[in-house]
Every structure is written in structure tokens, then in C-alpha cells.
């Protein structure tokens, strides 16, 4: 499960950096690496980033809306 969390976080960072580049400079790094925004490779990466974002939302809500994170949780109600 640690590997899934790490990969999801990594994909969220990649997505955030790519959107930052698009917003500030109009440059799509993922699209450029994989042969264009509409290429199969770029679409796979975009889809994986989207799934990682959904996973992040679920983990955020799980922790904030009825914690079942376990003994290593850093939620406010356990402090």
C-alpha cells in the first residue's frame, strides 16, 4: 500500500508541475515528451494523473471525514 501512495503522490506532483508549466509558459511537457497532447502516451499519463488525483481526494476525505487511517495517523483528533 505504501507503493501505491508513493506512486499516487508522484503522479500528482507530475500533474501539478505540468499544469504549472502550461499556466505560466504555455508549455505542455508531458505532451511534448510523448509526441503531442493527443498522443496515446500523453493520454495514458494524463489518465493516470487524474486517477492519482481521485485517489488523493479519497485519502483526504477518508482522513478528514471519519478517520480510519490507523495508529500512524496525524489527524487533529488524535493529538
Protein backbone atom coordinates (compact mmCIF):
# COMPACT_ATOMS: atom_id res chain seq x y z
CA UNK A 1 0.00 0.00 0.00
CA UNK A 2 2.96 2.32 0.61
CA UNK A 3 3.98 1.89 -3.03
CA UNK A 4 0.50 2.88 -4.24
CA UNK A 5 0.56 6.01 -2.07
CA UNK A 6 4.05 6.92 -3.30
CA UNK A 7 3.11 6.44 -6.97
CA UNK A 8 -0.10 8.44 -6.50
CA UNK A 9 1.82 11.29 -4.86
CA UNK A 10 4.46 11.21 -7.58
CA UNK A 11 1.80 11.36 -10.30
CA UNK A 12 0.07 14.25 -8.53
CA UNK A 13 3.38 16.16 -8.43
CA UNK A 14 3.99 15.44 -12.11
CA UNK A 15 0.50 16.67 -12.93
CA UNK A 16 0.89 19.80 -10.82
CA UNK A 17 4.24 20.66 -12.39
CA UNK A 18 2.90 20.07 -15.89
CA UNK A 19 -0.13 22.30 -15.23
CA UNK A 20 2.20 24.93 -13.79
CA UNK A 21 4.24 24.87 -16.98
CA UNK A 22 1.07 25.13 -19.07
CA UNK A 23 -0.25 28.01 -16.96
CA UNK A 24 2.94 30.04 -16.74
CA UNK A 25 4.59 29.31 -20.06
CA UNK A 26 2.01 27.63 -22.32
CA UNK A 27 4.27 24.56 -22.47
CA UNK A 28 2.93 21.02 -22.08
CA UNK A 29 5.95 18.93 -21.04
CA UNK A 30 4.06 15.62 -20.87
CA UNK A 31 2.58 16.20 -24.31
CA UNK A 32 5.98 17.18 -25.68
CA UNK A 33 7.69 14.09 -24.25
CA UNK A 34 5.04 11.71 -25.56
CA UNK A 35 4.53 13.19 -29.02
CA UNK A 36 1.72 15.67 -28.55
CA UNK A 37 -1.16 16.31 -26.22
CA UNK A 38 -3.45 13.91 -28.06
CA UNK A 39 -0.97 11.06 -28.43
CA UNK A 40 -1.72 7.74 -26.78
CA UNK A 41 1.25 8.04 -24.41
CA UNK A 42 0.27 11.51 -23.20
CA UNK A 43 -3.35 10.45 -22.75
CA UNK A 44 -2.25 7.48 -20.63
CA UNK A 45 -0.14 9.77 -18.41
CA UNK A 46 -2.97 12.30 -18.14
CA UNK A 47 -5.39 9.50 -17.21
CA UNK A 48 -3.00 8.14 -14.57
CA UNK A 49 -2.54 11.64 -13.12
CA UNK A 50 -6.31 12.01 -12.99
CA UNK A 51 -6.71 8.67 -11.20
CA UNK A 52 -3.98 9.68 -8.76
CA UNK A 53 -5.87 12.91 -8.07
CA UNK A 54 -9.06 10.97 -7.37
CA UNK A 55 -7.12 8.68 -5.05
CA UNK A 56 -5.74 11.76 -3.29
CA UNK A 57 -9.24 13.16 -2.80
CA UNK A 58 -10.43 9.85 -1.36
CA UNK A 59 -7.47 9.69 1.02
CA UNK A 60 -8.02 13.31 2.08
CA UNK A 61 -11.72 12.74 2.75
CA UNK A 62 -11.04 9.44 4.50
CA UNK A 63 -8.68 11.17 6.91
CA UNK A 64 -10.81 14.25 7.48
CA UNK A 65 -14.31 12.78 7.46
CA UNK A 66 -14.15 9.85 9.84
CA UNK A 67 -10.64 8.69 10.37
CA UNK A 68 -9.80 5.07 9.87
CA UNK A 69 -6.18 5.71 8.98
CA UNK A 70 -4.70 3.63 11.75
CA UNK A 71 -2.18 4.19 14.51
CA UNK A 72 0.19 6.33 12.41
CA UNK A 73 -2.46 8.90 11.52
CA UNK A 74 -1.65 12.55 12.16
CA UNK A 75 -5.26 13.74 12.29
CA UNK A 76 -6.14 16.59 14.61
CA UNK A 77 -8.40 14.50 16.82
CA UNK A 78 -5.56 12.18 17.84
CA UNK A 79 -3.20 14.93 19.01
